[in-house]
């Protein structure tokens, strides 16, 4: 594993956590770790937390290199953090799938609803279109808030630890890389780069059009106040004029790990 896998709260003390300790070499924690890490916790524990506590969990997962993964069991119904999402009972177990999803399909009892996004990189939708994995990230290079219906604590996983490890590592890849010295030298934060990627994804006419697009974007998630502050800071540095990034800003992004997202998003915007 390229980053530590940890079990938060009740999961770390539960017998199901022992399966994850063996299959993923995970360890139990009672406080969220600093730096890059993968944190697993029971979905129902997250859902039972206060709105403030849920927001703190979601904020922890925002920096690149961090993955917060919620596992069954869940409380049926809707949650509002970080976006509206919920779980429903499945009438029958799903079929087919691939990799770890295929191995655990017969034990799946939930499906996801709401605005969490099933990624294209990892199989997350069953043939009947039920959603198995849903994620949220503020922008393409931020960390991941992830909900899965797969019971990773199943005893079945003890027979296929490599499949479980590969599945987790696939999500770690999507969670991005933590800050590199090259990025720190620019004086910009990851959110600055994320916002520049957004501005470079489409030829916005002005600030008003950019903020309108941002409010409806299924990819970028910045609170209005945060987006305004980021734009002001980038404008003060001369990296953005109106809603148009300067050549210096373009070069900074294209020389950074964020560069692949620009071309991919421009392709989608055509």
Foldseek 3Di string as FASTA:
>chain_A
DVAAEEEEDPLQVDPLVVLCCVLVVYHYDHDDDPDAHEYEYAQQVLVPDDPVVVQVVLVRQWAFRYEYEHEDDHDADWDCPPHIKGKDFDPAFAADDDQPCRLQRRVFTIFMDDQFQDDPQHDAATPVRGGAKGWDYQAQATGIYMYGRGSCSDPSCSVPSVSVNVVVVSNSVSSHDGDDPLVVVVVDDPVLLRLLLLLLLDPDPFQVRSVVCQVPDSHHHDDPVRSVVSVVVCVVVVQDDGSHGDVVSVVSNCVDPNNVSNVVSNVVVD
